[in-house]
Amino acid sequence: LVDRPHADNHFNDALTRLRRVARPGSLV
């Protein structure tokens, strides 16, 4: 986490990316 002071500002981006990983029918 060094030199990443704003690492917690992209939670929604993570959710968007998650939809690529979790194919329909997955348990998340």
PDB file of all heavy atoms in Angstrom:
ATOM      1  N   LEU A   1       0.811  -1.216   0.000  1.00  0.00           N
ATOM      2  CA  LEU A   1       0.000   0.000   0.000  1.00  0.00           C
ATOM      3  C   LEU A   1       0.843   1.265   0.000  1.00  0.00           C
ATOM      4  O   LEU A   1       0.329   2.351  -0.028  1.00  0.00           O
ATOM      5  CB  LEU A   1      -0.931   0.015   1.213  1.00  0.00           C
ATOM      6  CG  LEU A   1      -2.117  -0.946   1.136  1.00  0.00           C
ATOM      7  CD1 LEU A   1      -2.867  -0.957   2.454  1.00  0.00           C
ATOM      8  CD2 LEU A   1      -3.049  -0.559   0.007  1.00  0.00           C
ATOM      9  N   VAL A   2       2.147   1.142   0.032  1.00  0.00           N
ATOM     10  CA  VAL A   2       3.024   2.305   0.033  1.00  0.00           C
ATOM     11  C   VAL A   2       2.829   3.103  -1.255  1.00  0.00           C
ATOM     12  O   VAL A   2       2.719   2.540  -2.350  1.00  0.00           O
ATOM     13  CB  VAL A   2       4.497   1.862   0.160  1.00  0.00           C
ATOM     14  CG1 VAL A   2       5.433   3.064   0.041  1.00  0.00           C
ATOM     15  CG2 VAL A   2       4.710   1.140   1.482  1.00  0.00           C
ATOM     16  N   ASP A   3       2.748   4.422  -1.109  1.00  0.00           N
ATOM     17  CA  ASP A   3       2.578   5.345  -2.241  1.00  0.00           C
ATOM     18  C   ASP A   3       1.243   5.145  -2.947  1.00  0.00           C
ATOM     19  O   ASP A   3       1.109   5.475  -4.123  1.00  0.00           O
ATOM     20  CB  ASP A   3       3.723   5.197  -3.252  1.00  0.00           C
ATOM     21  CG  ASP A   3       5.061   5.581  -2.653  1.00  0.00           C
ATOM     22  OD1 ASP A   3       5.087   6.477  -1.781  1.00  0.00           O
ATOM     23  OD2 ASP A   3       6.071   4.966  -3.039  1.00  0.00           O
ATOM     24  N   ARG A   4       0.234   4.632  -2.237  1.00  0.00           N
ATOM     25  CA  ARG A   4      -1.103   4.518  -2.809  1.00  0.00           C
ATOM     26  C   ARG A   4      -2.110   5.188  -1.883  1.00  0.00           C
ATOM     27  O   ARG A   4      -2.984   4.555  -1.340  1.00  0.00           O
ATOM     28  CB  ARG A   4      -1.484   3.056  -3.006  1.00  0.00           C
ATOM     29  CG  ARG A   4      -0.682   2.361  -4.096  1.00  0.00           C
ATOM     30  CD  ARG A   4      -1.066   0.907  -4.159  1.00  0.00           C
ATOM     31  NE  ARG A   4      -0.290   0.229  -5.177  1.00  0.00           N
ATOM     32  CZ  ARG A   4      -0.299  -1.083  -5.359  1.00  0.00           C
ATOM     33  NH1 ARG A   4      -1.056  -1.836  -4.591  1.00  0.00           N
ATOM     34  NH2 ARG A   4       0.433  -1.645  -6.290  1.00  0.00           N
ATOM     35  N   PRO A   5      -1.965   6.483  -1.662  1.00  0.00           N
ATOM     36  CA  PRO A   5      -2.832   7.151  -0.686  1.00  0.00           C
ATOM     37  C   PRO A   5      -4.301   7.169  -1.061  1.00  0.00           C
ATOM     38  O   PRO A   5      -5.150   7.350  -0.215  1.00  0.00           O
ATOM     39  CB  PRO A   5      -2.271   8.576  -0.638  1.00  0.00           C
ATOM     40  CG  PRO A   5      -1.618   8.768  -1.972  1.00  0.00           C
ATOM     41  CD  PRO A   5      -1.033   7.423  -2.312  1.00  0.00           C
ATOM     42  N   HIS A   6      -4.623   6.992  -2.345  1.00  0.00           N
ATOM     43  CA  HIS A   6      -6.025   7.062  -2.764  1.00  0.00           C
ATOM     44  C   HIS A   6      -6.532   5.701  -3.225  1.00  0.00           C
ATOM     45  O   HIS A   6      -7.443   5.605  -4.023  1.00  0.00           O
ATOM     46  CB  HIS A   6      -6.190   8.077  -3.902  1.00  0.00           C
ATOM     47  CG  HIS A   6      -5.714   9.452  -3.535  1.00  0.00           C
ATOM     48  ND1 HIS A   6      -6.308  10.192  -2.537  1.00  0.00           N
ATOM     49  CD2 HIS A   6      -4.694  10.191  -4.011  1.00  0.00           C
ATOM     50  CE1 HIS A   6      -5.672  11.356  -2.423  1.00  0.00           C
ATOM     51  NE2 HIS A   6      -4.699  11.374  -3.296  1.00  0.00           N
ATOM     52  N   ALA A   7      -5.950   4.645  -2.667  1.00  0.00           N
ATOM     53  CA  ALA A   7      -6.292   3.299  -3.142  1.00  0.00           C
ATOM     54  C   ALA A   7      -7.708   2.900  -2.811  1.00  0.00           C
ATOM     55  O   ALA A   7      -8.220   1.941  -3.356  1.00  0.00           O
ATOM     56  CB  ALA A   7      -5.312   2.289  -2.545  1.00  0.00           C
ATOM     57  N   ASP A   8      -8.375   3.611  -1.909  1.00  0.00           N
ATOM     58  CA  ASP A   8      -9.713   3.195  -1.521  1.00  0.00           C
ATOM     59  C   ASP A   8     -10.804   4.000  -2.214  1.00  0.00           C
ATOM     60  O   ASP A   8     -11.932   4.032  -1.757  1.00  0.00           O
ATOM     61  CB  ASP A   8      -9.876   3.297  -0.001  1.00  0.00           C
ATOM     62  CG  ASP A   8      -9.677   4.717   0.503  1.00  0.00           C
ATOM     63  OD1 ASP A   8      -9.224   5.570  -0.271  1.00  0.00           O
ATOM     64  OD2 ASP A   8      -9.987   4.953   1.673  1.00  0.00           O
ATOM     65  N   ASN A   9     -10.471   4.663  -3.327  1.00  0.00           N
ATOM     66  CA  ASN A   9     -11.455   5.501  -4.006  1.00  0.00           C
ATOM     67  C   ASN A   9     -12.079   4.832  -5.218  1.00  0.00           C
ATOM     68  O   ASN A   9     -12.795   5.475  -5.970  1.00  0.00           O
ATOM     69  CB  ASN A   9     -10.801   6.832  -4.437  1.00  0.00           C
ATOM     70  CG  ASN A   9     -10.431   7.678  -3.242  1.00  0.00           C
ATOM     71  OD1 ASN A   9     -11.020   7.532  -2.176  1.00  0.00           O
ATOM     72  ND2 ASN A   9      -9.457   8.559  -3.405  1.00  0.00           N
ATOM     73  N   HIS A  10     -11.807   3.542  -5.445  1.00  0.00           N
ATOM     74  CA  HIS A  10     -12.248   2.898  -6.678  1.00  0.00           C
ATOM     75  C   HIS A  10     -13.023   1.613  -6.410  1.00  0.00           C
ATOM     76  O   HIS A  10     -12.930   0.655  -7.152  1.00  0.00           O
ATOM     77  CB  HIS A  10     -11.041   2.611  -7.570  1.00  0.00           C
ATOM     78  CG  HIS A  10     -10.192   3.820  -7.831  1.00  0.00           C
ATOM     79  ND1 HIS A  10     -10.625   4.869  -8.626  1.00  0.00           N
ATOM     80  CD2 HIS A  10      -8.961   4.162  -7.397  1.00  0.00           C
ATOM     81  CE1 HIS A  10      -9.675   5.798  -8.658  1.00  0.00           C
ATOM     82  NE2 HIS A  10      -8.669   5.402  -7.922  1.00  0.00           N
ATOM     83  N   PHE A  11     -13.792   1.616  -5.329  1.00  0.00           N
ATOM     84  CA  PHE A  11     -14.550   0.427  -4.977  1.00  0.00           C
ATOM     85  C   PHE A  11     -15.564   0.072  -6.062  1.00  0.00           C
ATOM     86  O   PHE A  11     -15.746  -1.094  -6.411  1.00  0.00           O
ATOM     87  CB  PHE A  11     -15.253   0.634  -3.640  1.00  0.00           C
ATOM     88  CG  PHE A  11     -16.000  -0.566  -3.141  1.00  0.00           C
ATOM     89  CD1 PHE A  11     -15.327  -1.617  -2.551  1.00  0.00           C
ATOM     90  CD2 PHE A  11     -17.376  -0.646  -3.265  1.00  0.00           C
ATOM     91  CE1 PHE A  11     -16.006  -2.724  -2.087  1.00  0.00           C
ATOM     92  CE2 PHE A  11     -18.063  -1.747  -2.804  1.00  0.00           C
ATOM     93  CZ  PHE A  11     -17.374  -2.789  -2.210  1.00  0.00           C
ATOM     94  N   ASN A  12     -16.224   1.077  -6.615  1.00  0.00           N
ATOM     95  CA  ASN A  12     -17.220   0.817  -7.650  1.00  0.00           C
ATOM     96  C   ASN A  12     -16.585   0.285  -8.926  1.00  0.00           C
ATOM     97  O   ASN A  12     -17.178  -0.523  -9.645  1.00  0.00           O
ATOM     98  CB  ASN A  12     -18.021   2.077  -7.952  1.00  0.00           C
ATOM     99  CG  ASN A  12     -18.915   2.471  -6.790  1.00  0.00           C
ATOM    100  OD1 ASN A  12     -19.238   1.654  -5.942  1.00  0.00           O
ATOM    101  ND2 ASN A  12     -19.299   3.736  -6.738  1.00  0.00           N
ATOM    102  N   ASP A  13     -15.368   0.736  -9.212  1.00  0.00           N
ATOM    103  CA  ASP A  13     -14.645   0.200 -10.359  1.00  0.00           C
ATOM    104  C   ASP A  13     -14.371  -1.286 -10.155  1.00  0.00           C
ATOM    105  O   ASP A  13     -14.443  -2.082 -11.096  1.00  0.00           O
ATOM    106  CB  ASP A  13     -13.334   0.965 -10.547  1.00  0.00           C
ATOM    107  CG  ASP A  13     -12.593   0.535 -11.802  1.00  0.00           C
ATOM    108  OD1 ASP A  13     -13.261   0.242 -12.808  1.00  0.00           O
ATOM    109  OD2 ASP A  13     -11.351   0.488 -11.769  1.00  0.00           O
ATOM    110  N   ALA A  14     -14.071  -1.661  -8.907  1.00  0.00           N
ATOM    111  CA  ALA A  14     -13.849  -3.077  -8.608  1.00  0.00           C
ATOM    112  C   ALA A  14     -15.119  -3.889  -8.849  1.00  0.00           C
ATOM    113  O   ALA A  14     -15.071  -4.998  -9.385  1.00  0.00           O
ATOM    114  CB  ALA A  14     -13.375  -3.245  -7.166  1.00  0.00           C
ATOM    115  N   LEU A  15     -16.274  -3.347  -8.468  1.00  0.00           N
ATOM    116  CA  LEU A  15     -17.535  -4.043  -8.708  1.00  0.00           C
ATOM    117  C   LEU A  15     -17.800  -4.205 -10.207  1.00  0.00           C
ATOM    118  O   LEU A  15     -18.298  -5.239 -10.655  1.00  0.00           O
ATOM    119  CB  LEU A  15     -18.694  -3.280  -8.066  1.00  0.00           C
ATOM    120  CG  LEU A  15     -18.792  -3.331  -6.537  1.00  0.00           C
ATOM    121  CD1 LEU A  15     -19.932  -2.420  -6.063  1.00  0.00           C
ATOM    122  CD2 LEU A  15     -19.002  -4.752  -6.045  1.00  0.00           C
ATOM    123  N   THR A  16     -17.450  -3.182 -10.985  1.00  0.00           N
ATOM    124  CA  THR A  16     -17.626  -3.267 -12.432  1.00  0.00           C
ATOM    125  C   THR A  16     -16.755  -4.371 -13.010  1.00  0.00           C
ATOM    126  O   THR A  16     -17.202  -5.178 -13.837  1.00  0.00           O
ATOM    127  CB  THR A  16     -17.272  -1.924 -13.092  1.00  0.00           C
ATOM    128  OG1 THR A  16     -18.090  -0.892 -12.534  1.00  0.00           O
ATOM    129  CG2 THR A  16     -17.493  -1.982 -14.597  1.00  0.00           C
ATOM    130  N   ARG A  17     -15.500  -4.416 -12.579  1.00  0.00           N
ATOM    131  CA  ARG A  17     -14.584  -5.460 -13.057  1.00  0.00           C
ATOM    132  C   ARG A  17     -15.034  -6.845 -12.612  1.00  0.00           C
ATOM    133  O   ARG A  17     -14.829  -7.831 -13.322  1.00  0.00           O
ATOM    134  CB  ARG A  17     -13.174  -5.183 -12.552  1.00  0.00           C
ATOM    135  CG  ARG A  17     -12.522  -3.949 -13.171  1.00  0.00           C
ATOM    136  CD  ARG A  17     -11.225  -3.603 -12.450  1.00  0.00           C
ATOM    137  NE  ARG A  17     -10.588  -2.438 -13.028  1.00  0.00           N
ATOM    138  CZ  ARG A  17      -9.621  -2.479 -13.937  1.00  0.00           C
ATOM    139  NH1 ARG A  17      -9.182  -3.655 -14.370  1.00  0.00           N
ATOM    140  NH2 ARG A  17      -9.082  -1.377 -14.417  1.00  0.00           N
ATOM    141  N   LEU A  18     -15.634  -6.915 -11.438  1.00  0.00           N
ATOM    142  CA  LEU A  18     -16.086  -8.197 -10.916  1.00  0.00           C
ATOM    143  C   LEU A  18     -17.093  -8.847 -11.849  1.00  0.00           C
ATOM    144  O   LEU A  18     -17.133 -10.080 -11.978  1.00  0.00           O
ATOM    145  CB  LEU A  18     -16.710  -7.993  -9.527  1.00  0.00           C
ATOM    146  CG  LEU A  18     -17.256  -9.242  -8.831  1.00  0.00           C
ATOM    147  CD1 LEU A  18     -16.144 -10.266  -8.595  1.00  0.00           C
ATOM    148  CD2 LEU A  18     -17.906  -8.856  -7.505  1.00  0.00           C
ATOM    149  N   ARG A  19     -17.892  -8.067 -12.516  1.00  0.00           N
ATOM    150  CA  ARG A  19     -18.885  -8.628 -13.427  1.00  0.00           C
ATOM    151  C   ARG A  19     -18.243  -9.310 -14.625  1.00  0.00           C
ATOM    152  O   ARG A  19     -18.880 -10.139 -15.283  1.00  0.00           O
ATOM    153  CB  ARG A  19     -19.850  -7.530 -13.884  1.00  0.00           C
ATOM    154  CG  ARG A  19     -20.777  -7.055 -12.764  1.00  0.00           C
ATOM    155  CD  ARG A  19     -21.545  -5.808 -13.150  1.00  0.00           C
ATOM    156  NE  ARG A  19     -22.156  -5.920 -14.458  1.00  0.00           N
ATOM    157  CZ  ARG A  19     -22.348  -4.896 -15.269  1.00  0.00           C
ATOM    158  NH1 ARG A  19     -21.965  -3.664 -14.917  1.00  0.00           N
ATOM    159  NH2 ARG A  19     -22.914  -5.071 -16.433  1.00  0.00           N
ATOM    160  N   ARG A  20     -16.977  -8.996 -14.909  1.00  0.00           N
ATOM    161  CA  ARG A  20     -16.266  -9.711 -15.969  1.00  0.00           C
ATOM    162  C   ARG A  20     -15.768 -11.063 -15.480  1.00  0.00           C
ATOM    163  O   ARG A  20     -15.690 -12.014 -16.240  1.00  0.00           O
ATOM    164  CB  ARG A  20     -15.068  -8.882 -16.446  1.00  0.00           C
ATOM    165  CG  ARG A  20     -15.426  -7.607 -17.176  1.00  0.00           C
ATOM    166  CD  ARG A  20     -14.337  -7.255 -18.164  1.00  0.00           C
ATOM    167  NE  ARG A  20     -13.032  -7.199 -17.524  1.00  0.00           N
ATOM    168  CZ  ARG A  20     -12.407  -6.083 -17.168  1.00  0.00           C
ATOM    169  NH1 ARG A  20     -12.989  -4.913 -17.382  1.00  0.00           N
ATOM    170  NH2 ARG A  20     -11.214  -6.115 -16.616  1.00  0.00           N
ATOM    171  N   VAL A  21     -15.396 -11.121 -14.204  1.00  0.00           N
ATOM    172  CA  VAL A  21     -14.849 -12.358 -13.647  1.00  0.00           C
ATOM    173  C   VAL A  21     -15.963 -13.341 -13.324  1.00  0.00           C
ATOM    174  O   VAL A  21     -15.828 -14.554 -13.537  1.00  0.00           O
ATOM    175  CB  VAL A  21     -14.022 -12.053 -12.377  1.00  0.00           C
ATOM    176  CG1 VAL A  21     -13.445 -13.340 -11.789  1.00  0.00           C
ATOM    177  CG2 VAL A  21     -12.908 -11.071 -12.693  1.00  0.00           C
ATOM    178  N   ALA A  22     -17.069 -12.847 -12.797  1.00  0.00           N
ATOM    179  CA  ALA A  22     -18.176 -13.702 -12.359  1.00  0.00           C
ATOM    180  C   ALA A  22     -19.137 -13.922 -13.525  1.00  0.00           C
ATOM    181  O   ALA A  22     -20.026 -13.113 -13.773  1.00  0.00           O
ATOM    182  CB  ALA A  22     -18.894 -13.063 -11.178  1.00  0.00           C
ATOM    183  N   ARG A  23     -18.975 -15.018 -14.210  1.00  0.00           N
ATOM    184  CA  ARG A  23     -19.874 -15.337 -15.317  1.00  0.00           C
ATOM    185  C   ARG A  23     -21.259 -15.655 -14.749  1.00  0.00           C
ATOM    186  O   ARG A  23     -21.399 -16.032 -13.582  1.00  0.00           O
ATOM    187  CB  ARG A  23     -19.353 -16.533 -16.109  1.00  0.00           C
ATOM    188  CG  ARG A  23     -19.104 -17.769 -15.295  1.00  0.00           C
ATOM    189  CD  ARG A  23     -18.824 -18.976 -16.169  1.00  0.00           C
ATOM    190  NE  ARG A  23     -20.006 -19.379 -16.906  1.00  0.00           N
ATOM    191  CZ  ARG A  23     -20.044 -20.465 -17.693  1.00  0.00           C
ATOM    192  NH1 ARG A  23     -18.970 -21.203 -17.844  1.00  0.00           N
ATOM    193  NH2 ARG A  23     -21.157 -20.783 -18.317  1.00  0.00           N
ATOM    194  N   PRO A  24     -22.312 -15.505 -15.551  1.00  0.00           N
ATOM    195  CA  PRO A  24     -23.660 -15.786 -15.053  1.00  0.00           C
ATOM    196  C   PRO A  24     -23.767 -17.170 -14.422  1.00  0.00           C
ATOM    197  O   PRO A  24     -23.261 -18.145 -14.949  1.00  0.00           O
ATOM    198  CB  PRO A  24     -24.516 -15.679 -16.325  1.00  0.00           C
ATOM    199  CG  PRO A  24     -23.774 -14.701 -17.180  1.00  0.00           C
ATOM    200  CD  PRO A  24     -22.317 -14.991 -16.931  1.00  0.00           C
ATOM    201  N   GLY A  25     -24.440 -17.223 -13.259  1.00  0.00           N
ATOM    202  CA  GLY A  25     -24.592 -18.473 -12.535  1.00  0.00           C
ATOM    203  C   GLY A  25     -23.554 -18.683 -11.456  1.00  0.00           C
ATOM    204  O   GLY A  25     -23.580 -19.703 -10.763  1.00  0.00           O
ATOM    205  N   SER A  26     -22.654 -17.720 -11.278  1.00  0.00           N
ATOM    206  CA  SER A  26     -21.604 -17.852 -10.262  1.00  0.00           C
ATOM    207  C   SER A  26     -22.167 -17.578  -8.864  1.00  0.00           C
ATOM    208  O   SER A  26     -23.193 -16.917  -8.703  1.00  0.00           O
ATOM    209  CB  SER A  26     -20.465 -16.874 -10.539  1.00  0.00           C
ATOM    210  OG  SER A  26     -19.816 -17.165 -11.763  1.00  0.00           O
ATOM    211  N   LEU A  27     -21.463 -18.087  -7.875  1.00  0.00           N
ATOM    212  CA  LEU A  27     -21.709 -17.742  -6.476  1.00  0.00           C
ATOM    213  C   LEU A  27     -20.608 -16.783  -6.070  1.00  0.00           C
ATOM    214  O   LEU A  27     -19.425 -17.116  -6.132  1.00  0.00           O
ATOM    215  CB  LEU A  27     -21.684 -18.992  -5.599  1.00  0.00           C
ATOM    216  CG  LEU A  27     -21.767 -18.774  -4.081  1.00  0.00           C
ATOM    217  CD1 LEU A  27     -23.062 -18.048  -3.702  1.00  0.00           C
ATOM    218  CD2 LEU A  27     -21.662 -20.107  -3.354  1.00  0.00           C
ATOM    219  N   VAL A  28     -20.985 -15.572  -5.667  1.00  0.00           N
ATOM    220  CA  VAL A  28     -20.022 -14.500  -5.411  1.00  0.00           C
ATOM    221  C   VAL A  28     -20.042 -14.104  -3.943  1.00  0.00           C
ATOM    222  O   VAL A  28     -21.116 -13.853  -3.377  1.00  0.00           O
ATOM    223  CB  VAL A  28     -20.338 -13.260  -6.285  1.00  0.00           C
ATOM    224  CG1 VAL A  28     -19.318 -12.151  -6.038  1.00  0.00           C
ATOM    225  CG2 VAL A  28     -20.365 -13.648  -7.762  1.00  0.00           C
TER     226      VAL A  28
END
